[in-house]
């Protein structure tokens, strides 16, 4: 089975960069990265020391509902190319492990699909999860803080 990592849509990112409200109805906070390593959910690369970035609340679901978690993310404040689109583990996933969790067509968790996975094993874990026909997509989230990082879909 082929998979692909999916970054935030460019149109959504452009709206947030231009001041549209985030999932909490607020304008994104702007800052200058004091260190290397803030993960950009659009290019799937790292924001480096001295670069402008945005911090905002994001809900990676089409509409509010009980399973539609909202959490903080970072984005480059300036234009960056959208990353992902293939099965290669994105460079911004630089922690030793992440949570992977499957969601159905109703955008709700498919119970029994969540697990903590070593970063290099994420593609294999996603392929195994997609053996479940109920899964429409998978989230990659922080193993320690549950922050949304990106989505995985069948290619």
N, C-alpha and C. Protein backbone atom coordinates (compact mmCIF):
# COMPACT_ATOMS: atom_id res chain seq x y z
N UNK A 1 0.84 -1.19 0.00
CA UNK A 1 0.00 0.00 0.00
C UNK A 1 0.88 1.24 0.00
N UNK A 2 0.51 2.21 -0.77
CA UNK A 2 1.23 3.47 -0.83
C UNK A 2 0.54 4.49 0.08
N UNK A 3 1.35 5.30 0.74
CA UNK A 3 0.83 6.37 1.60
C UNK A 3 1.46 7.68 1.17
N UNK A 4 0.91 8.77 1.69
CA UNK A 4 1.52 10.08 1.48
C UNK A 4 1.27 10.95 2.71
N UNK A 5 2.31 11.70 3.08
CA UNK A 5 2.19 12.67 4.16
C UNK A 5 1.58 13.94 3.58
N UNK A 6 0.65 14.54 4.32
CA UNK A 6 -0.10 15.69 3.82
C UNK A 6 0.08 16.87 4.77
N UNK A 7 0.55 17.98 4.23
CA UNK A 7 0.73 19.22 4.99
C UNK A 7 -0.56 20.04 4.97
N UNK A 8 -0.59 21.08 5.78
CA UNK A 8 -1.74 21.99 5.74
C UNK A 8 -1.88 22.59 4.36
N UNK A 9 -3.11 22.78 3.95
CA UNK A 9 -3.42 23.36 2.65
C UNK A 9 -2.89 24.79 2.55
N UNK A 10 -2.31 25.12 1.42
CA UNK A 10 -1.71 26.45 1.22
C UNK A 10 -2.74 27.57 1.36
N UNK A 11 -3.96 27.36 0.87
CA UNK A 11 -4.98 28.41 0.96
C UNK A 11 -5.30 28.73 2.42
N UNK A 12 -5.38 27.72 3.27
CA UNK A 12 -5.64 27.94 4.70
C UNK A 12 -4.48 28.70 5.33
N UNK A 13 -3.27 28.29 5.01
CA UNK A 13 -2.07 28.94 5.57
C UNK A 13 -2.00 30.40 5.14
N UNK A 14 -2.31 30.68 3.88
CA UNK A 14 -2.28 32.07 3.40
C UNK A 14 -3.30 32.93 4.15
N UNK A 15 -4.46 32.36 4.42
CA UNK A 15 -5.48 33.11 5.18
C UNK A 15 -4.98 33.43 6.58
N UNK A 16 -4.37 32.45 7.23
CA UNK A 16 -3.86 32.66 8.58
C UNK A 16 -2.73 33.69 8.58
N UNK A 17 -1.87 33.64 7.58
CA UNK A 17 -0.78 34.61 7.48
C UNK A 17 -1.30 36.02 7.25
N UNK A 18 -2.45 36.13 6.60
CA UNK A 18 -2.99 37.47 6.32
C UNK A 18 -3.89 37.99 7.43
N UNK A 19 -3.99 37.25 8.55
CA UNK A 19 -4.72 37.76 9.70
C UNK A 19 -6.07 37.13 9.95
N UNK A 20 -6.47 36.14 9.16
CA UNK A 20 -7.75 35.46 9.43
C UNK A 20 -7.67 34.79 10.80
N UNK A 21 -8.79 34.68 11.48
CA UNK A 21 -8.78 34.09 12.82
C UNK A 21 -8.45 32.60 12.79
N UNK A 22 -7.82 32.14 13.87
CA UNK A 22 -7.49 30.73 14.02
C UNK A 22 -8.71 29.98 14.56
N UNK A 23 -8.53 28.74 14.96
CA UNK A 23 -9.63 27.91 15.45
C UNK A 23 -10.25 28.46 16.73
N UNK A 24 -9.55 29.33 17.45
CA UNK A 24 -10.10 29.97 18.64
C UNK A 24 -10.63 31.37 18.37
N UNK A 25 -10.66 31.76 17.09
CA UNK A 25 -11.17 33.08 16.74
C UNK A 25 -10.18 34.20 16.96
N UNK A 26 -8.92 33.87 17.15
CA UNK A 26 -7.89 34.87 17.41
C UNK A 26 -6.95 35.00 16.21
N UNK A 27 -6.29 36.14 16.13
CA UNK A 27 -5.23 36.34 15.15
C UNK A 27 -3.99 35.62 15.65
N UNK A 28 -3.27 34.99 14.73
CA UNK A 28 -2.05 34.26 15.10
C UNK A 28 -1.06 35.20 15.77
N UNK A 29 -0.34 34.67 16.75
CA UNK A 29 0.75 35.42 17.38
C UNK A 29 1.98 35.34 16.49
N UNK A 30 2.70 36.45 16.37
CA UNK A 30 3.93 36.48 15.57
C UNK A 30 5.13 36.51 16.49
N UNK A 31 6.20 35.86 16.05
CA UNK A 31 7.42 35.87 16.83
C UNK A 31 8.63 35.63 15.94
N UNK A 32 9.79 35.76 16.54
CA UNK A 32 11.06 35.44 15.89
C UNK A 32 11.62 34.24 16.64
N UNK A 33 11.92 33.18 15.89
CA UNK A 33 12.38 31.94 16.53
C UNK A 33 13.68 32.17 17.28
N UNK A 34 13.68 31.90 18.60
CA UNK A 34 14.89 32.08 19.40
C UNK A 34 15.87 30.91 19.24
N UNK A 35 15.38 29.81 18.69
CA UNK A 35 16.20 28.61 18.49
C UNK A 35 15.78 27.94 17.18
N UNK A 36 16.58 27.00 16.71
CA UNK A 36 16.18 26.15 15.59
C UNK A 36 15.19 25.11 16.08
N UNK A 37 14.27 24.73 15.20
CA UNK A 37 13.50 23.55 15.51
C UNK A 37 12.01 23.65 15.65
N UNK A 38 11.38 24.80 15.44
CA UNK A 38 9.92 24.86 15.50
C UNK A 38 9.39 24.21 14.22
N UNK A 39 8.49 23.22 14.32
CA UNK A 39 8.01 22.51 13.13
C UNK A 39 6.89 23.26 12.40
N UNK A 40 7.12 23.59 11.15
CA UNK A 40 6.12 24.27 10.33
C UNK A 40 5.18 23.23 9.72
N UNK A 41 3.91 23.38 9.95
CA UNK A 41 2.92 22.40 9.46
C UNK A 41 2.57 22.61 7.99
N UNK A 42 3.18 23.58 7.33
CA UNK A 42 2.93 23.80 5.90
C UNK A 42 4.05 23.23 5.04
N UNK A 43 5.28 23.60 5.31
CA UNK A 43 6.40 23.08 4.50
C UNK A 43 6.90 21.74 5.04
N UNK A 44 6.49 21.40 6.25
CA UNK A 44 6.93 20.19 6.95
C UNK A 44 8.44 20.20 7.17
N UNK A 45 8.96 21.41 7.28
CA UNK A 45 10.36 21.62 7.63
C UNK A 45 10.44 22.36 8.95
N UNK A 46 11.65 22.67 9.36
CA UNK A 46 11.85 23.34 10.63
C UNK A 46 12.04 24.84 10.45
N UNK A 47 11.46 25.60 11.34
CA UNK A 47 11.67 27.04 11.40
C UNK A 47 13.00 27.24 12.12
N UNK A 48 13.88 28.01 11.53
CA UNK A 48 15.21 28.15 12.10
C UNK A 48 15.34 29.45 12.90
N UNK A 49 16.35 29.47 13.76
CA UNK A 49 16.61 30.63 14.61
C UNK A 49 16.65 31.90 13.75
N UNK A 50 15.91 32.91 14.21
CA UNK A 50 15.87 34.20 13.52
C UNK A 50 14.76 34.34 12.50
N UNK A 51 14.09 33.25 12.15
CA UNK A 51 12.98 33.33 11.20
C UNK A 51 11.70 33.76 11.91
N UNK A 52 10.85 34.47 11.18
CA UNK A 52 9.53 34.85 11.69
C UNK A 52 8.62 33.63 11.66
N UNK A 53 7.81 33.50 12.69
CA UNK A 53 6.87 32.39 12.74
C UNK A 53 5.55 32.83 13.35
N UNK A 54 4.53 32.00 13.16
CA UNK A 54 3.21 32.22 13.74
C UNK A 54 2.91 31.08 14.71
N UNK A 55 2.27 31.42 15.82
CA UNK A 55 1.72 30.44 16.74
C UNK A 55 0.21 30.64 16.74
N UNK A 56 -0.52 29.56 16.56
CA UNK A 56 -1.98 29.69 16.47
C UNK A 56 -2.65 28.39 16.87
N UNK A 57 -3.94 28.48 17.13
CA UNK A 57 -4.75 27.31 17.42
C UNK A 57 -5.28 26.74 16.12
N UNK A 58 -5.14 25.43 15.96
CA UNK A 58 -5.60 24.78 14.73
C UNK A 58 -6.47 23.58 15.05
N UNK A 59 -7.53 23.42 14.26
CA UNK A 59 -8.41 22.26 14.35
C UNK A 59 -8.32 21.55 13.00
N UNK A 60 -7.59 20.44 12.90
CA UNK A 60 -7.39 19.78 11.62
C UNK A 60 -8.57 18.92 11.18
N UNK A 61 -9.74 19.47 11.29
CA UNK A 61 -10.99 18.81 10.93
C UNK A 61 -11.87 19.82 10.21
N UNK A 62 -12.81 19.37 9.39
CA UNK A 62 -13.63 20.31 8.62
C UNK A 62 -14.64 21.10 9.45
N UNK A 63 -15.01 20.60 10.63
CA UNK A 63 -16.02 21.29 11.43
C UNK A 63 -15.87 20.89 12.90
N UNK A 64 -16.34 21.74 13.80
CA UNK A 64 -16.32 21.38 15.22
C UNK A 64 -17.23 20.17 15.47
N UNK A 65 -16.78 19.30 16.34
CA UNK A 65 -17.54 18.15 16.81
C UNK A 65 -16.75 17.58 17.97
N UNK A 66 -17.29 16.66 18.75
CA UNK A 66 -16.60 16.22 19.97
C UNK A 66 -15.20 15.67 19.77
N UNK A 67 -14.90 15.09 18.61
CA UNK A 67 -13.58 14.51 18.38
C UNK A 67 -12.63 15.47 17.67
N UNK A 68 -13.08 16.65 17.37
CA UNK A 68 -12.28 17.62 16.62
C UNK A 68 -11.41 18.43 17.57
N UNK A 69 -10.26 17.86 17.92
CA UNK A 69 -9.35 18.51 18.86
C UNK A 69 -8.76 19.79 18.28
N UNK A 70 -8.56 20.77 19.13
CA UNK A 70 -7.91 22.02 18.77
C UNK A 70 -6.62 22.09 19.56
N UNK A 71 -5.55 22.51 18.91
CA UNK A 71 -4.28 22.63 19.61
C UNK A 71 -3.36 23.60 18.92
N UNK A 72 -2.26 23.92 19.57
CA UNK A 72 -1.32 24.90 19.03
C UNK A 72 -0.45 24.30 17.92
N UNK A 73 -0.16 25.13 16.93
CA UNK A 73 0.79 24.77 15.87
C UNK A 73 1.64 25.99 15.54
N UNK A 74 2.73 25.74 14.84
CA UNK A 74 3.59 26.81 14.31
C UNK A 74 3.58 26.75 12.79
N UNK A 75 3.74 27.92 12.20
CA UNK A 75 3.89 28.08 10.75
C UNK A 75 4.97 29.11 10.49
N UNK A 76 5.68 28.96 9.37
CA UNK A 76 6.52 30.07 8.93
C UNK A 76 5.61 31.28 8.72
N UNK A 77 6.01 32.45 9.17
CA UNK A 77 5.20 33.65 8.95
C UNK A 77 5.29 34.11 7.50
N UNK A 78 6.39 33.78 6.85
CA UNK A 78 6.59 34.15 5.45
C UNK A 78 6.34 32.93 4.56
N UNK A 79 6.23 33.18 3.29
CA UNK A 79 5.93 32.12 2.33
C UNK A 79 6.93 30.97 2.41
N UNK A 80 6.39 29.77 2.38
CA UNK A 80 7.19 28.55 2.25
C UNK A 80 6.42 27.60 1.34
N UNK A 81 7.12 26.72 0.69
CA UNK A 81 6.48 25.77 -0.21
C UNK A 81 5.82 24.65 0.59
N UNK A 82 4.66 24.24 0.14
CA UNK A 82 3.95 23.16 0.82
C UNK A 82 4.75 21.86 0.70
N UNK A 83 4.92 21.20 1.82
CA UNK A 83 5.66 19.95 1.85
C UNK A 83 4.76 18.74 1.75
N UNK A 84 5.37 17.60 1.84
CA UNK A 84 4.64 16.34 1.82
C UNK A 84 4.30 15.90 0.40
N UNK A 85 3.30 15.06 0.31
CA UNK A 85 2.85 14.54 -0.97
C UNK A 85 3.43 13.19 -1.34
N UNK A 86 4.33 12.68 -0.48
CA UNK A 86 4.91 11.37 -0.75
C UNK A 86 5.05 10.59 0.55
N UNK A 87 5.66 9.41 0.47
CA UNK A 87 5.77 8.52 1.62
C UNK A 87 7.00 8.78 2.48
N UNK A 88 7.81 9.74 2.11
CA UNK A 88 9.03 10.04 2.86
C UNK A 88 8.66 10.74 4.18
N UNK A 89 9.25 10.27 5.28
CA UNK A 89 9.00 10.90 6.58
C UNK A 89 9.50 12.35 6.52
N UNK A 90 8.63 13.33 6.76
CA UNK A 90 9.05 14.73 6.68
C UNK A 90 10.17 15.06 7.66
N UNK A 91 11.05 15.99 7.25
CA UNK A 91 12.20 16.35 8.06
C UNK A 91 11.81 16.95 9.40
N UNK A 92 10.65 17.57 9.49
CA UNK A 92 10.29 18.22 10.75
C UNK A 92 9.88 17.23 11.82
N UNK A 93 9.69 15.98 11.48
CA UNK A 93 9.41 14.95 12.47
C UNK A 93 10.74 14.45 13.02
N UNK A 94 11.32 15.25 13.91
CA UNK A 94 12.68 14.97 14.40
C UNK A 94 12.72 14.48 15.84
N UNK A 95 11.56 14.20 16.44
CA UNK A 95 11.53 13.58 17.76
C UNK A 95 11.68 12.07 17.58
N UNK A 96 12.04 11.36 18.64
CA UNK A 96 12.24 9.92 18.50
C UNK A 96 10.97 9.12 18.21
N UNK A 97 9.82 9.64 18.62
CA UNK A 97 8.57 8.90 18.40
C UNK A 97 7.39 9.88 18.36
N UNK A 98 6.30 9.38 17.74
CA UNK A 98 5.07 10.16 17.59
C UNK A 98 3.87 9.26 17.80
N UNK A 99 2.73 9.87 18.06
CA UNK A 99 1.48 9.15 18.10
C UNK A 99 0.91 9.12 16.69
N UNK A 100 0.42 7.97 16.26
CA UNK A 100 -0.35 7.87 15.03
C UNK A 100 -1.74 7.38 15.43
N UNK A 101 -2.76 7.97 14.80
CA UNK A 101 -4.14 7.62 15.18
C UNK A 101 -5.03 7.77 13.95
N UNK A 102 -5.88 6.77 13.72
CA UNK A 102 -6.74 6.76 12.55
C UNK A 102 -8.11 7.39 12.79
N UNK A 103 -8.64 7.96 11.70
CA UNK A 103 -9.96 8.61 11.71
C UNK A 103 -10.78 8.07 10.55
N UNK A 104 -12.09 8.00 10.75
CA UNK A 104 -12.99 7.52 9.72
C UNK A 104 -13.53 8.63 8.85
N UNK A 105 -14.41 8.28 7.94
CA UNK A 105 -15.02 9.25 7.02
C UNK A 105 -15.85 10.30 7.77
N UNK A 106 -16.25 9.97 8.99
CA UNK A 106 -17.01 10.92 9.82
C UNK A 106 -16.10 11.83 10.63
N UNK A 107 -14.78 11.76 10.39
CA UNK A 107 -13.77 12.59 11.08
C UNK A 107 -13.70 12.31 12.58
N UNK A 108 -14.06 11.10 12.96
CA UNK A 108 -13.98 10.68 14.36
C UNK A 108 -12.93 9.58 14.50
N UNK A 109 -12.35 9.50 15.68
CA UNK A 109 -11.33 8.48 15.95
C UNK A 109 -11.91 7.09 15.71
N UNK A 110 -11.15 6.26 15.03
CA UNK A 110 -11.47 4.84 14.93
C UNK A 110 -10.74 4.19 16.10
N UNK A 111 -11.51 3.76 17.09
CA UNK A 111 -10.92 3.23 18.32
C UNK A 111 -10.02 2.04 18.04
N UNK A 112 -8.92 1.97 18.80
CA UNK A 112 -7.97 0.90 18.65
C UNK A 112 -6.87 1.18 17.64
N UNK A 113 -6.88 2.39 17.06
CA UNK A 113 -5.87 2.70 16.03
C UNK A 113 -4.73 3.57 16.56
N UNK A 114 -4.84 4.09 17.74
CA UNK A 114 -3.81 4.98 18.27
C UNK A 114 -2.66 4.23 18.90
N UNK A 115 -1.43 4.65 18.57
CA UNK A 115 -0.25 4.07 19.21
C UNK A 115 0.93 5.01 19.08
N UNK A 116 1.90 4.82 19.96
CA UNK A 116 3.15 5.58 19.90
C UNK A 116 4.13 4.75 19.06
N UNK A 117 4.73 5.42 18.07
CA UNK A 117 5.55 4.73 17.08
C UNK A 117 6.90 5.44 16.95
N UNK A 118 7.98 4.67 16.84
CA UNK A 118 9.30 5.26 16.56
C UNK A 118 9.23 5.96 15.20
N UNK A 119 9.80 7.13 15.11
CA UNK A 119 9.68 7.96 13.91
C UNK A 119 9.99 7.22 12.62
N UNK A 120 11.09 6.48 12.51
CA UNK A 120 11.35 5.79 11.24
C UNK A 120 10.31 4.73 10.89
N UNK A 121 9.52 4.30 11.88
CA UNK A 121 8.52 3.25 11.66
C UNK A 121 7.14 3.80 11.30
N UNK A 122 7.00 5.12 11.23
CA UNK A 122 5.68 5.70 10.95
C UNK A 122 5.10 5.20 9.63
N UNK A 123 5.83 5.19 8.52
CA UNK A 123 5.22 4.70 7.27
C UNK A 123 4.70 3.27 7.38
N UNK A 124 5.47 2.37 7.97
CA UNK A 124 5.03 0.98 8.11
C UNK A 124 3.80 0.89 9.01
N UNK A 125 3.78 1.67 10.09
CA UNK A 125 2.63 1.67 10.98
C UNK A 125 1.39 2.18 10.25
N UNK A 126 1.55 3.22 9.44
CA UNK A 126 0.42 3.76 8.68
C UNK A 126 -0.11 2.73 7.68
N UNK A 127 0.79 2.04 7.02
CA UNK A 127 0.36 1.02 6.07
C UNK A 127 -0.44 -0.08 6.77
N UNK A 128 0.02 -0.48 7.95
CA UNK A 128 -0.72 -1.49 8.72
C UNK A 128 -2.10 -0.96 9.13
N UNK A 129 -2.15 0.28 9.59
CA UNK A 129 -3.43 0.86 9.99
C UNK A 129 -4.40 0.93 8.83
N UNK A 130 -3.91 1.26 7.65
CA UNK A 130 -4.78 1.39 6.48
C UNK A 130 -5.33 0.05 5.99
N UNK A 131 -4.89 -1.05 6.59
CA UNK A 131 -5.53 -2.33 6.29
C UNK A 131 -6.96 -2.33 6.81
N UNK A 132 -7.25 -1.44 7.75
CA UNK A 132 -8.60 -1.26 8.28
C UNK A 132 -9.37 -0.37 7.30
N UNK A 133 -10.34 -0.94 6.63
CA UNK A 133 -11.10 -0.22 5.60
C UNK A 133 -11.88 0.97 6.16
N UNK A 134 -12.10 1.00 7.48
CA UNK A 134 -12.84 2.12 8.08
C UNK A 134 -12.02 3.41 8.12
N UNK A 135 -10.70 3.29 8.02
CA UNK A 135 -9.84 4.48 8.13
C UNK A 135 -9.85 5.29 6.84
N UNK A 136 -10.05 6.60 7.00
CA UNK A 136 -9.96 7.52 5.88
C UNK A 136 -8.62 8.24 5.88
N UNK A 137 -8.10 8.55 7.10
CA UNK A 137 -6.81 9.22 7.22
C UNK A 137 -6.25 8.98 8.61
N UNK A 138 -4.98 9.36 8.76
CA UNK A 138 -4.26 9.19 10.01
C UNK A 138 -3.65 10.52 10.40
N UNK A 139 -3.66 10.82 11.68
CA UNK A 139 -2.93 11.98 12.19
C UNK A 139 -1.60 11.52 12.77
N UNK A 140 -0.59 12.34 12.56
CA UNK A 140 0.69 12.20 13.27
C UNK A 140 0.68 13.32 14.29
N UNK A 141 0.83 12.94 15.57
CA UNK A 141 0.75 13.89 16.66
C UNK A 141 1.92 13.68 17.61
N UNK A 142 2.23 14.71 18.36
CA UNK A 142 3.29 14.63 19.36
C UNK A 142 2.98 13.51 20.35
N UNK A 143 3.98 12.70 20.64
CA UNK A 143 3.81 11.61 21.62
C UNK A 143 3.69 12.15 23.03
N UNK A 144 4.22 13.34 23.28
CA UNK A 144 4.20 13.87 24.64
C UNK A 144 3.13 14.94 24.86
N UNK A 145 2.77 15.69 23.83
CA UNK A 145 1.83 16.79 24.01
C UNK A 145 0.56 16.68 23.17
N UNK A 146 0.49 15.70 22.28
CA UNK A 146 -0.67 15.46 21.42
C UNK A 146 -0.86 16.54 20.35
N UNK A 147 0.10 17.42 20.14
CA UNK A 147 -0.03 18.45 19.12
C UNK A 147 -0.08 17.83 17.73
N UNK A 148 -0.96 18.34 16.89
CA UNK A 148 -1.10 17.88 15.52
C UNK A 148 0.15 18.27 14.71
N UNK A 149 0.67 17.32 13.94
CA UNK A 149 1.82 17.62 13.08
C UNK A 149 1.47 17.52 11.60
N UNK A 150 0.89 16.43 11.18
CA UNK A 150 0.48 16.29 9.78
C UNK A 150 -0.48 15.13 9.66
N UNK A 151 -0.91 14.91 8.45
CA UNK A 151 -1.88 13.88 8.15
C UNK A 151 -1.23 12.87 7.20
N UNK A 152 -1.67 11.63 7.26
CA UNK A 152 -1.25 10.62 6.30
C UNK A 152 -2.51 10.09 5.62
N UNK A 153 -2.42 9.97 4.30
CA UNK A 153 -3.53 9.44 3.51
C UNK A 153 -3.03 8.29 2.65
N UNK A 154 -3.95 7.51 2.14
CA UNK A 154 -3.60 6.53 1.13
C UNK A 154 -3.21 7.30 -0.14
N UNK A 155 -2.17 6.84 -0.81
CA UNK A 155 -1.74 7.54 -2.04
C UNK A 155 -2.55 7.05 -3.23
